[in-house]
Amino acid sequence: MERGSAGPGERAAAEWGAGRLREAGAADVRVEGFRYQRSWAARHVPHFAAGIGAAALGGAPGAVLAAAALASFELDLGGRRQWLAALAPAGEGANAVARVPAR
């Protein structure tokens, strides 16, 4: 099975995994979708471009732009505020999720 991220193969693999979980006695088995981006470039390039622009601008305005770009990049990379993620192209990934009853 060809199982690339955020593609038909990933969904097929998740369905297969869900079936195996059901066979093993897991409860509440389902396949959940999630938004997935194949590349970080669409989110990182704007930050880098702002840094280059800040260097070209120079002085106090350049320092402010550089600080803002750095803060935004850190928040994005750390997962706390990923405002560019909503604008970047994305695919649909899939996971098999289940509950395993206690013995």
Protein backbone atom coordinates (compact mmCIF):
# COMPACT_ATOMS: atom_id res chain seq x y z
CA MET A 1 0.00 0.00 0.00
CA GLU A 2 1.36 3.43 -0.95
CA ARG A 3 0.97 5.47 2.23
CA GLY A 4 1.94 9.07 1.60
CA SER A 5 0.98 11.69 4.17
CA ALA A 6 -2.40 13.36 3.75
CA GLY A 7 -3.38 11.18 0.81
CA PRO A 8 -5.62 8.26 -0.07
CA GLY A 9 -3.01 5.76 1.13
CA GLU A 10 -2.91 7.31 4.57
CA ARG A 11 -6.69 7.10 4.86
CA ALA A 12 -6.57 3.46 3.69
CA ALA A 13 -3.87 2.70 6.28
CA ALA A 14 -5.98 4.35 9.00
CA GLU A 15 -9.02 2.28 7.95
CA TRP A 16 -6.88 -0.87 8.04
CA GLY A 17 -5.58 0.06 11.50
CA ALA A 18 -9.12 0.74 12.73
CA GLY A 19 -10.18 -2.70 11.52
CA ARG A 20 -7.29 -4.34 13.37
CA LEU A 21 -8.22 -2.42 16.54
CA ARG A 22 -11.82 -3.64 16.25
CA GLU A 23 -10.59 -7.23 15.81
CA ALA A 24 -8.47 -6.84 18.95
CA GLY A 25 -11.52 -5.77 20.97
CA ALA A 26 -11.00 -2.02 21.16
CA ALA A 27 -14.09 0.10 21.74
CA ASP A 28 -15.20 3.35 20.12
CA VAL A 29 -12.98 2.81 17.07
CA ARG A 30 -13.04 5.56 14.44
CA VAL A 31 -10.95 7.25 11.80
CA GLU A 32 -10.40 10.95 12.49
CA GLY A 33 -9.27 13.47 9.91
CA PHE A 34 -6.89 16.34 10.58
CA ARG A 35 -5.47 19.27 8.61
CA TYR A 36 -1.96 18.53 7.42
CA GLN A 37 0.60 20.66 5.60
CA ARG A 38 3.14 18.86 3.45
CA SER A 39 5.64 21.73 3.66
CA TRP A 40 6.59 24.33 6.21
CA ALA A 41 7.76 26.74 3.50
CA ALA A 42 4.45 28.59 3.17
CA ARG A 43 4.63 29.42 6.89
CA HIS A 44 8.37 30.08 7.22
CA VAL A 45 9.15 32.08 4.08
CA PRO A 46 7.02 35.10 5.11
CA HIS A 47 8.94 35.29 8.41
CA PHE A 48 12.28 35.08 6.63
CA ALA A 49 11.20 37.69 4.07
CA ALA A 50 10.18 40.03 6.90
CA GLY A 51 13.63 39.53 8.46
CA ILE A 52 15.35 40.37 5.17
CA GLY A 53 13.08 43.40 4.77
CA ALA A 54 13.94 44.48 8.30
CA ALA A 55 17.66 44.29 7.53
CA ALA A 56 17.16 46.32 4.34
CA LEU A 57 15.04 48.88 6.18
CA GLY A 58 17.52 49.30 9.03
CA GLY A 59 17.30 51.69 11.97
CA ALA A 60 14.54 51.64 14.55
CA PRO A 61 11.79 50.66 12.06
CA GLY A 62 13.90 47.72 10.88
CA ALA A 63 14.54 46.64 14.46
CA VAL A 64 10.81 46.70 15.23
CA LEU A 65 10.01 44.69 12.09
CA ALA A 66 12.78 42.19 12.90
CA ALA A 67 11.51 41.77 16.47
CA ALA A 68 7.95 41.25 15.24
CA ALA A 69 9.09 38.70 12.64
CA LEU A 70 11.15 36.85 15.26
CA ALA A 71 8.29 36.81 17.77
CA SER A 72 5.82 35.58 15.14
CA PHE A 73 8.24 32.89 13.96
CA GLU A 74 8.86 31.67 17.54
CA LEU A 75 5.13 31.54 18.28
CA ASP A 76 4.47 29.64 15.05
CA LEU A 77 7.32 27.17 15.47
CA GLY A 78 6.43 26.57 19.12
CA GLY A 79 2.79 25.92 18.21
CA ARG A 80 1.38 28.69 20.38
CA ARG A 81 0.10 31.00 17.60
CA GLN A 82 0.12 29.62 14.07
CA TRP A 83 -1.73 32.37 12.27
CA LEU A 84 -0.15 31.62 8.87
CA ALA A 85 -1.28 27.97 9.01
CA ALA A 86 -4.83 28.98 8.07
CA LEU A 87 -3.54 30.67 4.91
CA ALA A 88 -1.14 27.91 3.79
CA PRO A 89 -2.25 25.06 1.50
CA ALA A 90 -3.07 21.84 3.34
CA GLY A 91 -4.30 18.30 2.82
CA GLU A 92 -6.42 16.00 4.94
CA GLY A 93 -4.61 13.42 7.06
CA ALA A 94 -6.20 10.49 8.93
CA ASN A 95 -5.61 8.66 12.21
CA ALA A 96 -7.19 5.53 13.68
CA VAL A 97 -8.41 6.25 17.21
CA ALA A 98 -9.87 3.81 19.75
CA ARG A 99 -10.40 3.09 23.43
CA VAL A 100 -8.92 -0.06 24.90
CA PRO A 101 -11.02 -1.36 27.80
CA ALA A 102 -9.24 -2.04 31.08
CA ARG A 103 -8.96 -5.66 32.14
